[in-house]
């Protein structure tokens, strides 16, 4: 029986030595938890992670309904898309504003050039009148005279003929004596 006693003693020694190791291994196995759920901010920082998670969520739609990471990945993808759209909108707004400013500047330049041209024509016409020379049709119009010799007046009624109601934009001048629309055929 000495072998039995010896084996029994060795077994008890091994149990004493192995028990703490087994206990530690058991505790380690129980303490392992799942990795923490990635937040929306985590996903927004890593666009590749968004794509990978959304692909896995699309593969298993039933599990994706309960998966918090799927919801966070979708939210992060939507926020990033919204940021991209806002940036594109601001870029388009800036481009449109600069184009509009350029158009306004060009219009202002053209209006100044037209005003300068009319001033030159008026000055030239007045000089020709003082010298007794004949005016060109353009010079006559610049000082408000019909090339046919009557005074031109801008109508107050928008260029409409009161008798027939005909007329258009009211940009034409009419002879003061008739108040009918003057159409230049030249």
N, C-alpha and C. Protein backbone atom coordinates (compact mmCIF):
# COMPACT_ATOMS: atom_id res chain seq x y z
N UNK A 1 0.78 -1.16 0.00
CA UNK A 1 0.00 0.00 0.00
C UNK A 1 0.83 1.25 0.00
N UNK A 2 1.98 1.05 0.06
CA UNK A 2 2.83 2.22 0.06
C UNK A 2 2.80 2.94 -1.27
N UNK A 3 2.61 2.22 -2.32
CA UNK A 3 2.51 2.87 -3.64
C UNK A 3 1.22 3.67 -3.70
N UNK A 4 0.22 3.10 -3.13
CA UNK A 4 -1.05 3.83 -3.12
C UNK A 4 -0.94 5.10 -2.31
N UNK A 5 -0.36 5.04 -1.22
CA UNK A 5 -0.18 6.21 -0.38
C UNK A 5 0.68 7.26 -1.08
N UNK A 6 1.70 6.74 -1.70
CA UNK A 6 2.60 7.66 -2.40
C UNK A 6 1.87 8.34 -3.55
N UNK A 7 1.10 7.61 -4.31
CA UNK A 7 0.33 8.18 -5.42
C UNK A 7 -0.71 9.15 -4.90
N UNK A 8 -1.33 8.83 -3.82
CA UNK A 8 -2.33 9.69 -3.23
C UNK A 8 -1.70 10.99 -2.76
N UNK A 9 -0.54 10.87 -2.17
CA UNK A 9 0.16 12.07 -1.72
C UNK A 9 0.58 12.94 -2.90
N UNK A 10 1.10 12.36 -3.96
CA UNK A 10 1.51 13.10 -5.15
C UNK A 10 0.30 13.79 -5.80
N UNK A 11 -0.79 13.10 -5.82
CA UNK A 11 -2.01 13.66 -6.41
C UNK A 11 -2.49 14.86 -5.60
N UNK A 12 -2.45 14.76 -4.31
CA UNK A 12 -2.84 15.89 -3.47
C UNK A 12 -1.89 17.06 -3.66
N UNK A 13 -0.61 16.81 -3.81
CA UNK A 13 0.38 17.87 -4.04
C UNK A 13 0.11 18.55 -5.37
N UNK A 14 -0.18 17.75 -6.37
CA UNK A 14 -0.48 18.32 -7.69
C UNK A 14 -1.75 19.16 -7.65
N UNK A 15 -2.75 18.67 -6.89
CA UNK A 15 -3.98 19.43 -6.78
C UNK A 15 -3.72 20.78 -6.12
N UNK A 16 -2.89 20.75 -5.07
CA UNK A 16 -2.56 22.00 -4.40
C UNK A 16 -1.83 22.97 -5.33
N UNK A 17 -0.93 22.42 -6.14
CA UNK A 17 -0.17 23.27 -7.06
C UNK A 17 -1.00 23.70 -8.26
N UNK A 18 -1.81 22.84 -8.78
CA UNK A 18 -2.58 23.13 -9.99
C UNK A 18 -3.86 23.90 -9.70
N UNK A 19 -4.36 23.81 -8.50
CA UNK A 19 -5.61 24.48 -8.18
C UNK A 19 -5.53 25.99 -8.41
N UNK A 20 -4.48 26.66 -7.93
CA UNK A 20 -4.42 28.10 -8.21
C UNK A 20 -4.29 28.41 -9.70
N UNK A 21 -3.56 27.56 -10.43
CA UNK A 21 -3.42 27.77 -11.88
C UNK A 21 -4.77 27.58 -12.58
N UNK A 22 -5.48 26.54 -12.21
CA UNK A 22 -6.80 26.29 -12.80
C UNK A 22 -7.77 27.41 -12.44
N UNK A 23 -7.71 27.86 -11.20
CA UNK A 23 -8.57 28.96 -10.78
C UNK A 23 -8.27 30.23 -11.58
N UNK A 24 -6.98 30.53 -11.77
CA UNK A 24 -6.57 31.71 -12.55
C UNK A 24 -7.04 31.60 -13.99
N UNK A 25 -6.89 30.42 -14.56
CA UNK A 25 -7.33 30.22 -15.95
C UNK A 25 -8.85 30.36 -16.06
N UNK A 26 -9.55 29.87 -15.09
CA UNK A 26 -11.01 30.00 -15.09
C UNK A 26 -11.44 31.45 -14.98
N UNK A 27 -10.78 32.17 -14.11
CA UNK A 27 -11.10 33.59 -13.95
C UNK A 27 -10.78 34.37 -15.23
N UNK A 28 -9.66 34.04 -15.86
CA UNK A 28 -9.30 34.72 -17.11
C UNK A 28 -10.33 34.42 -18.21
N UNK A 29 -10.76 33.19 -18.28
CA UNK A 29 -11.74 32.82 -19.30
C UNK A 29 -13.07 33.52 -19.05
N UNK A 30 -13.45 33.68 -17.82
CA UNK A 30 -14.71 34.35 -17.51
C UNK A 30 -14.62 35.86 -17.66
N UNK A 31 -13.44 36.41 -17.45
CA UNK A 31 -13.33 37.88 -17.49
C UNK A 31 -13.22 38.43 -18.91
N UNK A 32 -12.99 37.58 -19.88
CA UNK A 32 -12.90 38.07 -21.26
C UNK A 32 -14.30 38.50 -21.71
N UNK A 33 -14.39 39.76 -22.19
CA UNK A 33 -15.66 40.29 -22.68
C UNK A 33 -15.52 40.68 -24.14
N UNK A 34 -16.63 40.99 -24.74
CA UNK A 34 -16.61 41.43 -26.13
C UNK A 34 -15.97 42.81 -26.20
N UNK A 35 -15.39 43.14 -27.35
CA UNK A 35 -14.80 44.48 -27.47
C UNK A 35 -15.92 45.52 -27.38
N UNK A 36 -15.59 46.72 -26.93
CA UNK A 36 -16.64 47.74 -26.77
C UNK A 36 -17.25 48.11 -28.13
N UNK A 37 -18.49 48.51 -28.09
CA UNK A 37 -19.21 48.90 -29.31
C UNK A 37 -18.61 50.20 -29.82
N UNK A 38 -18.27 50.22 -31.12
CA UNK A 38 -17.72 51.45 -31.70
C UNK A 38 -18.81 52.50 -31.83
N UNK A 39 -18.46 53.72 -31.48
CA UNK A 39 -19.43 54.82 -31.50
C UNK A 39 -19.46 55.47 -32.88
N UNK A 40 -20.40 56.41 -33.04
CA UNK A 40 -20.51 57.16 -34.29
C UNK A 40 -19.23 57.93 -34.55
N UNK A 41 -18.66 58.51 -33.49
CA UNK A 41 -17.42 59.28 -33.63
C UNK A 41 -16.28 58.37 -34.09
N UNK A 42 -16.23 57.15 -33.53
CA UNK A 42 -15.20 56.19 -33.95
C UNK A 42 -15.33 55.89 -35.44
N UNK A 43 -16.55 55.67 -35.89
CA UNK A 43 -16.77 55.36 -37.31
C UNK A 43 -16.47 56.57 -38.20
N UNK A 44 -16.83 57.76 -37.73
CA UNK A 44 -16.57 58.95 -38.55
C UNK A 44 -15.07 59.18 -38.76
N UNK A 45 -14.28 58.72 -37.82
CA UNK A 45 -12.83 58.87 -37.94
C UNK A 45 -12.23 57.85 -38.91
N UNK A 46 -12.96 56.78 -39.20
CA UNK A 46 -12.43 55.72 -40.06
C UNK A 46 -13.48 55.32 -41.09
N UNK A 47 -13.39 55.90 -42.27
CA UNK A 47 -14.41 55.63 -43.30
C UNK A 47 -14.33 54.20 -43.81
N UNK A 48 -13.15 53.58 -43.77
CA UNK A 48 -13.05 52.18 -44.18
C UNK A 48 -13.83 51.27 -43.24
N UNK A 49 -13.80 51.59 -41.95
CA UNK A 49 -14.55 50.79 -40.97
C UNK A 49 -16.05 50.91 -41.23
N UNK A 50 -16.49 52.10 -41.64
CA UNK A 50 -17.91 52.27 -41.98
C UNK A 50 -18.30 51.33 -43.11
N UNK A 51 -17.50 51.34 -44.17
CA UNK A 51 -17.81 50.50 -45.33
C UNK A 51 -17.85 49.02 -44.95
N UNK A 52 -16.84 48.57 -44.20
CA UNK A 52 -16.79 47.16 -43.82
C UNK A 52 -17.99 46.78 -42.95
N UNK A 53 -18.34 47.63 -42.00
CA UNK A 53 -19.46 47.32 -41.11
C UNK A 53 -20.78 47.33 -41.87
N UNK A 54 -20.94 48.31 -42.78
CA UNK A 54 -22.19 48.36 -43.55
C UNK A 54 -22.33 47.15 -44.47
N UNK A 55 -21.22 46.66 -45.00
CA UNK A 55 -21.28 45.45 -45.83
C UNK A 55 -21.72 44.26 -44.99
N UNK A 56 -21.15 44.12 -43.78
CA UNK A 56 -21.55 43.00 -42.92
C UNK A 56 -23.00 43.16 -42.46
N UNK A 57 -23.45 44.40 -42.26
CA UNK A 57 -24.84 44.62 -41.84
C UNK A 57 -25.81 44.26 -42.98
N UNK A 58 -25.41 44.56 -44.20
CA UNK A 58 -26.27 44.22 -45.34
C UNK A 58 -26.33 42.71 -45.56
N UNK A 59 -25.25 42.02 -45.22
CA UNK A 59 -25.20 40.58 -45.40
C UNK A 59 -26.16 39.86 -44.46
N UNK A 60 -26.29 40.34 -43.24
CA UNK A 60 -27.17 39.71 -42.25
C UNK A 60 -28.12 40.78 -41.70
N UNK A 61 -29.19 41.01 -42.41
CA UNK A 61 -30.10 42.10 -42.06
C UNK A 61 -30.84 41.86 -40.74
N UNK A 62 -31.14 40.63 -40.43
CA UNK A 62 -31.86 40.34 -39.19
C UNK A 62 -31.00 40.68 -37.97
N UNK A 63 -29.74 40.28 -38.02
CA UNK A 63 -28.83 40.58 -36.91
C UNK A 63 -28.51 42.07 -36.86
N UNK A 64 -28.51 42.73 -38.02
CA UNK A 64 -28.17 44.16 -38.09
C UNK A 64 -29.20 45.01 -37.36
N UNK A 65 -30.45 44.54 -37.28
CA UNK A 65 -31.49 45.31 -36.61
C UNK A 65 -31.16 45.48 -35.13
N UNK A 66 -30.57 44.46 -34.52
CA UNK A 66 -30.24 44.51 -33.09
C UNK A 66 -28.82 44.99 -32.83
N UNK A 67 -27.99 45.11 -33.87
CA UNK A 67 -26.58 45.46 -33.70
C UNK A 67 -26.41 46.98 -33.57
N UNK A 68 -25.89 47.41 -32.43
CA UNK A 68 -25.68 48.84 -32.19
C UNK A 68 -24.63 49.42 -33.13
N UNK A 69 -23.62 48.62 -33.48
CA UNK A 69 -22.59 49.10 -34.39
C UNK A 69 -23.14 49.38 -35.78
N UNK A 70 -24.11 48.58 -36.23
CA UNK A 70 -24.72 48.83 -37.54
C UNK A 70 -25.42 50.18 -37.53
N UNK A 71 -26.16 50.45 -36.47
CA UNK A 71 -26.85 51.73 -36.37
C UNK A 71 -25.85 52.88 -36.31
N UNK A 72 -24.76 52.70 -35.56
CA UNK A 72 -23.75 53.75 -35.46
C UNK A 72 -23.04 53.97 -36.79
N UNK A 73 -22.78 52.88 -37.52
CA UNK A 73 -22.12 53.01 -38.82
C UNK A 73 -23.04 53.74 -39.81
N UNK A 74 -24.33 53.43 -39.80
CA UNK A 74 -25.27 54.13 -40.68
C UNK A 74 -25.35 55.61 -40.34
N UNK A 75 -25.42 55.91 -39.06
CA UNK A 75 -25.47 57.31 -38.63
C UNK A 75 -24.21 58.05 -39.05
N UNK A 76 -23.06 57.42 -38.86
CA UNK A 76 -21.79 58.05 -39.24
C UNK A 76 -21.72 58.28 -40.75
N UNK A 77 -22.18 57.30 -41.52
CA UNK A 77 -22.18 57.44 -42.98
C UNK A 77 -23.09 58.60 -43.41
N UNK A 78 -24.26 58.70 -42.78
CA UNK A 78 -25.18 59.80 -43.10
C UNK A 78 -24.59 61.15 -42.73
N UNK A 79 -23.94 61.23 -41.58
CA UNK A 79 -23.33 62.50 -41.17
C UNK A 79 -22.21 62.92 -42.11
N UNK A 80 -21.39 61.95 -42.51
CA UNK A 80 -20.30 62.26 -43.45
C UNK A 80 -20.85 62.71 -44.80
N UNK A 81 -21.92 62.05 -45.26
CA UNK A 81 -22.53 62.46 -46.52
C UNK A 81 -23.10 63.87 -46.42
N UNK A 82 -23.71 64.18 -45.29
CA UNK A 82 -24.25 65.52 -45.08
C UNK A 82 -23.15 66.57 -45.07
N UNK A 83 -22.03 66.26 -44.42
CA UNK A 83 -20.90 67.18 -44.42
C UNK A 83 -20.38 67.42 -45.83
N UNK A 84 -20.31 66.35 -46.63
CA UNK A 84 -19.85 66.48 -48.01
C UNK A 84 -20.82 67.35 -48.82
N UNK A 85 -22.12 67.13 -48.63
CA UNK A 85 -23.12 67.93 -49.36
C UNK A 85 -23.04 69.39 -48.96
N UNK A 86 -22.85 69.66 -47.68
CA UNK A 86 -22.74 71.06 -47.23
C UNK A 86 -21.50 71.72 -47.82
N UNK A 87 -20.40 71.01 -47.87
CA UNK A 87 -19.17 71.56 -48.45
C UNK A 87 -19.36 71.84 -49.93
N UNK A 88 -20.03 70.92 -50.65
CA UNK A 88 -20.28 71.13 -52.07
C UNK A 88 -21.21 72.32 -52.28
N UNK A 89 -22.23 72.44 -51.42
CA UNK A 89 -23.16 73.57 -51.52
C UNK A 89 -22.45 74.89 -51.31
N UNK A 90 -21.58 74.95 -50.31
CA UNK A 90 -20.84 76.19 -50.03
C UNK A 90 -19.91 76.54 -51.19
N UNK A 91 -19.30 75.53 -51.78
CA UNK A 91 -18.43 75.77 -52.94
C UNK A 91 -19.24 76.33 -54.10
N UNK A 92 -20.40 75.75 -54.37
CA UNK A 92 -21.27 76.25 -55.44
C UNK A 92 -21.76 77.66 -55.14
N UNK A 93 -22.08 77.92 -53.88
CA UNK A 93 -22.54 79.26 -53.49
C UNK A 93 -21.43 80.29 -53.75
N UNK A 94 -20.20 79.95 -53.37
CA UNK A 94 -19.08 80.87 -53.59
C UNK A 94 -18.85 81.11 -55.07
N UNK A 95 -18.94 80.04 -55.88
CA UNK A 95 -18.76 80.18 -57.33
C UNK A 95 -19.86 81.06 -57.92
N UNK A 96 -21.10 80.82 -57.50
CA UNK A 96 -22.22 81.61 -58.03
C UNK A 96 -22.10 83.07 -57.62
N UNK A 97 -21.67 83.31 -56.39
CA UNK A 97 -21.51 84.68 -55.92
C UNK A 97 -20.43 85.40 -56.72
N UNK A 98 -19.32 84.72 -56.96
CA UNK A 98 -18.25 85.37 -57.72
C UNK A 98 -18.68 85.60 -59.17
N UNK A 99 -19.42 84.66 -59.76
CA UNK A 99 -19.91 84.86 -61.12
C UNK A 99 -20.91 86.00 -61.17
N UNK A 100 -21.78 86.09 -60.18
CA UNK A 100 -22.76 87.17 -60.13
C UNK A 100 -22.06 88.52 -59.96
N UNK A 101 -21.05 88.56 -59.13
CA UNK A 101 -20.28 89.79 -58.97
C UNK A 101 -19.61 90.20 -60.27
N UNK A 102 -19.09 89.22 -61.01
CA UNK A 102 -18.46 89.51 -62.30
C UNK A 102 -19.49 90.04 -63.30
N UNK A 103 -20.68 89.45 -63.30
CA UNK A 103 -21.74 89.91 -64.21
C UNK A 103 -22.16 91.33 -63.84
N UNK A 104 -22.31 91.60 -62.56
CA UNK A 104 -22.68 92.95 -62.12
C UNK A 104 -21.61 93.97 -62.51
N UNK A 105 -20.35 93.60 -62.33
CA UNK A 105 -19.25 94.50 -62.69
C UNK A 105 -19.26 94.77 -64.19
N UNK A 106 -19.49 93.74 -64.99
CA UNK A 106 -19.54 93.92 -66.45
C UNK A 106 -20.73 94.79 -66.85
N UNK A 107 -21.86 94.57 -66.23
CA UNK A 107 -23.04 95.40 -66.52
C UNK A 107 -22.77 96.86 -66.17
N UNK A 108 -22.17 97.08 -65.02
CA UNK A 108 -21.85 98.44 -64.60
C UNK A 108 -20.88 99.09 -65.58
N UNK A 109 -19.89 98.32 -66.02
CA UNK A 109 -18.93 98.84 -66.99
C UNK A 109 -19.61 99.20 -68.31
N UNK A 110 -20.53 98.33 -68.77
CA UNK A 110 -21.24 98.60 -70.02
C UNK A 110 -22.16 99.81 -69.88
N UNK A 111 -22.82 99.94 -68.74
CA UNK A 111 -23.69 101.11 -68.52
C UNK A 111 -22.87 102.40 -68.51
N UNK A 112 -21.70 102.36 -67.87
CA UNK A 112 -20.83 103.56 -67.89
C UNK A 112 -20.37 103.88 -69.30
N UNK A 113 -20.02 102.84 -70.06
CA UNK A 113 -19.58 103.06 -71.44
C UNK A 113 -20.72 103.65 -72.27
N UNK A 114 -21.94 103.16 -72.08
CA UNK A 114 -23.10 103.69 -72.81
C UNK A 114 -23.37 105.14 -72.42
N UNK A 115 -23.30 105.44 -71.12
CA UNK A 115 -23.49 106.82 -70.66
C UNK A 115 -22.42 107.74 -71.26
N UNK A 116 -21.18 107.25 -71.28
CA UNK A 116 -20.10 108.05 -71.86
C UNK A 116 -20.34 108.27 -73.35
N UNK A 117 -20.80 107.24 -74.05
CA UNK A 117 -21.08 107.36 -75.50
C UNK A 117 -22.18 108.38 -75.74
N UNK A 118 -23.25 108.31 -74.94
CA UNK A 118 -24.35 109.27 -75.11
C UNK A 118 -23.88 110.69 -74.79
N UNK A 119 -23.03 110.84 -73.78
CA UNK A 119 -22.50 112.17 -73.46
C UNK A 119 -21.66 112.72 -74.60
N UNK A 120 -20.85 111.86 -75.20
CA UNK A 120 -20.04 112.29 -76.36
C UNK A 120 -20.94 112.69 -77.52
N UNK A 121 -21.97 111.90 -77.78
CA UNK A 121 -22.90 112.21 -78.88
C UNK A 121 -23.64 113.52 -78.62
N UNK A 122 -24.08 113.73 -77.37
CA UNK A 122 -24.76 114.99 -77.03
C UNK A 122 -23.84 116.19 -77.24
N UNK A 123 -22.61 116.05 -76.75
CA UNK A 123 -21.64 117.14 -76.89
C UNK A 123 -21.38 117.43 -78.37
N UNK A 124 -21.20 116.37 -79.15
CA UNK A 124 -20.95 116.52 -80.58
C UNK A 124 -22.15 117.17 -81.27
N UNK A 125 -23.36 116.72 -80.90
CA UNK A 125 -24.57 117.28 -81.51
C UNK A 125 -24.73 118.76 -81.18
N UNK A 126 -24.50 119.11 -79.91
CA UNK A 126 -24.62 120.51 -79.51
C UNK A 126 -23.59 121.38 -80.23
N UNK A 127 -22.38 120.85 -80.43
CA UNK A 127 -21.36 121.60 -81.16
C UNK A 127 -21.76 121.80 -82.61
N UNK A 128 -22.32 120.73 -83.21
CA UNK A 128 -22.76 120.84 -84.61
C UNK A 128 -23.91 121.83 -84.75
N UNK A 129 -24.82 121.84 -83.80
CA UNK A 129 -25.94 122.79 -83.84
C UNK A 129 -25.41 124.21 -83.74
N UNK A 130 -24.44 124.42 -82.85
CA UNK A 130 -23.86 125.75 -82.69
C UNK A 130 -23.15 126.21 -83.97
N UNK A 131 -22.57 125.25 -84.70
CA UNK A 131 -21.87 125.59 -85.94
C UNK A 131 -22.82 125.61 -87.13
N UNK A 132 -24.04 125.15 -86.94
CA UNK A 132 -25.01 125.13 -88.02
C UNK A 132 -24.85 123.95 -88.96
N UNK A 133 -24.21 122.88 -88.50
CA UNK A 133 -23.99 121.70 -89.33
C UNK A 133 -25.15 120.72 -89.14
N UNK A 134 -25.27 119.76 -90.06
CA UNK A 134 -26.30 118.74 -90.03
C UNK A 134 -25.91 117.63 -89.06
N UNK A 135 -26.89 117.17 -88.30
CA UNK A 135 -26.66 116.10 -87.33
C UNK A 135 -26.89 114.74 -87.96
N UNK A 136 -26.16 113.75 -87.47
CA UNK A 136 -26.45 112.38 -87.87
C UNK A 136 -27.68 111.92 -87.09
N UNK A 137 -28.30 110.85 -87.54
CA UNK A 137 -29.49 110.33 -86.86
C UNK A 137 -29.16 109.96 -85.42
N UNK A 138 -28.00 109.39 -85.17
CA UNK A 138 -27.60 108.98 -83.83
C UNK A 138 -27.41 110.20 -82.93
N UNK A 139 -26.80 111.26 -83.46
CA UNK A 139 -26.61 112.49 -82.69
C UNK A 139 -27.95 113.14 -82.38
N UNK A 140 -28.86 113.12 -83.35
CA UNK A 140 -30.18 113.71 -83.14
C UNK A 140 -30.93 112.98 -82.03
N UNK A 141 -30.87 111.66 -82.04
CA UNK A 141 -31.54 110.88 -81.00
C UNK A 141 -30.92 111.15 -79.63
N UNK A 142 -29.60 111.36 -79.59
CA UNK A 142 -28.91 111.60 -78.33
C UNK A 142 -29.41 112.87 -77.65
N UNK A 143 -29.86 113.87 -78.42
CA UNK A 143 -30.37 115.09 -77.80
C UNK A 143 -31.88 115.17 -77.83
N UNK A 144 -32.54 114.04 -78.21
CA UNK A 144 -33.99 113.95 -78.12
C UNK A 144 -34.72 114.49 -79.33
N UNK A 145 -34.10 114.46 -80.51
CA UNK A 145 -34.76 114.92 -81.72
C UNK A 145 -34.91 113.76 -82.67
N UNK A 146 -36.10 113.64 -83.25
CA UNK A 146 -36.36 112.64 -84.27
C UNK A 146 -35.54 113.01 -85.50
N UNK A 147 -34.89 112.02 -86.14
CA UNK A 147 -34.13 112.33 -87.35
C UNK A 147 -34.99 113.00 -88.42
N UNK A 148 -36.30 112.84 -88.34
CA UNK A 148 -37.19 113.49 -89.31
C UNK A 148 -37.51 114.91 -88.90
N UNK A 149 -37.03 115.37 -87.75
CA UNK A 149 -37.17 116.76 -87.38
C UNK A 149 -38.09 117.06 -86.22
N UNK A 150 -38.87 116.11 -85.71
CA UNK A 150 -39.75 116.44 -84.59
C UNK A 150 -39.08 116.07 -83.27
N UNK A 151 -39.52 116.69 -82.21
CA UNK A 151 -38.97 116.45 -80.88
C UNK A 151 -39.47 115.10 -80.37
N UNK A 152 -38.57 114.30 -79.81
CA UNK A 152 -38.94 112.99 -79.30
C UNK A 152 -39.20 113.08 -77.80
N UNK A 153 -40.28 112.43 -77.35
CA UNK A 153 -40.65 112.42 -75.94
C UNK A 153 -40.92 110.99 -75.53
N UNK A 154 -40.39 110.59 -74.38
CA UNK A 154 -40.66 109.24 -73.86
C UNK A 154 -42.08 109.25 -73.31
N UNK A 155 -42.95 108.36 -73.79
CA UNK A 155 -44.35 108.36 -73.36
C UNK A 155 -44.50 107.94 -71.91
N UNK A 156 -45.47 108.53 -71.22
CA UNK A 156 -45.74 108.17 -69.83
C UNK A 156 -46.57 106.90 -69.73
N UNK A 157 -47.25 106.53 -70.80
CA UNK A 157 -48.16 105.38 -70.76
C UNK A 157 -47.48 104.07 -71.18
N UNK A 158 -46.14 104.04 -71.15
CA UNK A 158 -45.44 102.80 -71.47
C UNK A 158 -45.40 102.50 -72.95
N UNK A 159 -45.65 103.46 -73.80
CA UNK A 159 -45.55 103.24 -75.24
C UNK A 159 -46.79 102.64 -75.86
N UNK A 160 -47.91 102.60 -75.14
CA UNK A 160 -49.13 102.01 -75.69
C UNK A 160 -49.96 103.07 -76.38
N UNK A 161 -50.51 102.70 -77.49
CA UNK A 161 -51.41 103.58 -78.22
C UNK A 161 -52.76 103.52 -77.52
N UNK A 162 -53.24 104.66 -77.05
CA UNK A 162 -54.47 104.67 -76.27
C UNK A 162 -55.68 104.25 -77.08
N UNK A 163 -55.64 104.46 -78.38
CA UNK A 163 -56.79 104.11 -79.20
C UNK A 163 -56.91 102.61 -79.42
N UNK A 164 -55.79 101.93 -79.67
CA UNK A 164 -55.85 100.50 -80.00
C UNK A 164 -55.34 99.59 -78.88
N UNK A 165 -54.57 100.16 -77.93
CA UNK A 165 -54.00 99.33 -76.87
C UNK A 165 -52.75 98.61 -77.33
N UNK A 166 -52.31 98.89 -78.56
CA UNK A 166 -51.10 98.24 -79.07
C UNK A 166 -49.87 98.90 -78.44
N UNK A 167 -48.79 98.18 -78.44
CA UNK A 167 -47.53 98.71 -77.94
C UNK A 167 -46.71 97.58 -77.37
N UNK A 168 -45.49 97.91 -77.04
CA UNK A 168 -44.67 96.85 -76.45
C UNK A 168 -43.96 97.37 -75.22
N UNK A 169 -42.68 97.42 -75.20
CA UNK A 169 -41.94 97.66 -73.97
C UNK A 169 -41.94 99.10 -73.52
N UNK A 170 -42.26 100.05 -74.37
CA UNK A 170 -42.23 101.45 -73.98
C UNK A 170 -40.86 102.05 -74.08
N UNK A 171 -39.94 101.37 -74.76
CA UNK A 171 -38.59 101.88 -74.91
C UNK A 171 -38.48 102.89 -76.05
N UNK A 172 -39.47 102.94 -76.92
CA UNK A 172 -39.39 103.83 -78.06
C UNK A 172 -39.83 105.24 -77.66
N UNK A 173 -39.27 106.22 -78.34
CA UNK A 173 -39.68 107.60 -78.15
C UNK A 173 -40.71 107.94 -79.22
N UNK A 174 -41.60 108.84 -78.93
CA UNK A 174 -42.63 109.21 -79.89
C UNK A 174 -42.54 110.69 -80.19
N UNK A 175 -42.94 111.10 -81.39
CA UNK A 175 -42.97 112.53 -81.67
C UNK A 175 -43.97 113.20 -80.73
N UNK A 176 -43.58 114.35 -80.19
CA UNK A 176 -44.40 115.03 -79.20
C UNK A 176 -45.73 115.47 -79.77
N UNK A 177 -45.78 115.75 -81.06
CA UNK A 177 -47.02 116.25 -81.63
C UNK A 177 -48.06 115.16 -81.81
N UNK A 178 -47.68 113.91 -82.01
CA UNK A 178 -48.64 112.86 -82.32
C UNK A 178 -48.88 111.88 -81.18
N UNK A 179 -47.89 111.61 -80.34
CA UNK A 179 -47.97 110.62 -79.28
C UNK A 179 -48.24 109.21 -79.82
N UNK A 180 -47.74 108.94 -81.00
CA UNK A 180 -47.83 107.57 -81.53
C UNK A 180 -46.43 106.99 -81.53
N UNK A 181 -46.36 105.73 -81.56
CA UNK A 181 -45.05 105.07 -81.47
C UNK A 181 -44.23 105.35 -82.70
N UNK A 182 -42.96 105.71 -82.47
CA UNK A 182 -42.06 105.97 -83.58
C UNK A 182 -41.19 104.74 -83.78
N UNK A 183 -41.28 104.15 -84.93
CA UNK A 183 -40.48 102.96 -85.25
C UNK A 183 -39.43 103.35 -86.27
N UNK A 184 -38.20 103.13 -85.93
CA UNK A 184 -37.10 103.48 -86.84
C UNK A 184 -36.96 102.37 -87.86
N UNK A 185 -36.90 102.75 -89.11
CA UNK A 185 -36.73 101.76 -90.17
C UNK A 185 -35.32 101.78 -90.69
N UNK A 186 -34.47 102.60 -90.11
CA UNK A 186 -33.08 102.71 -90.58
C UNK A 186 -32.18 101.82 -89.82
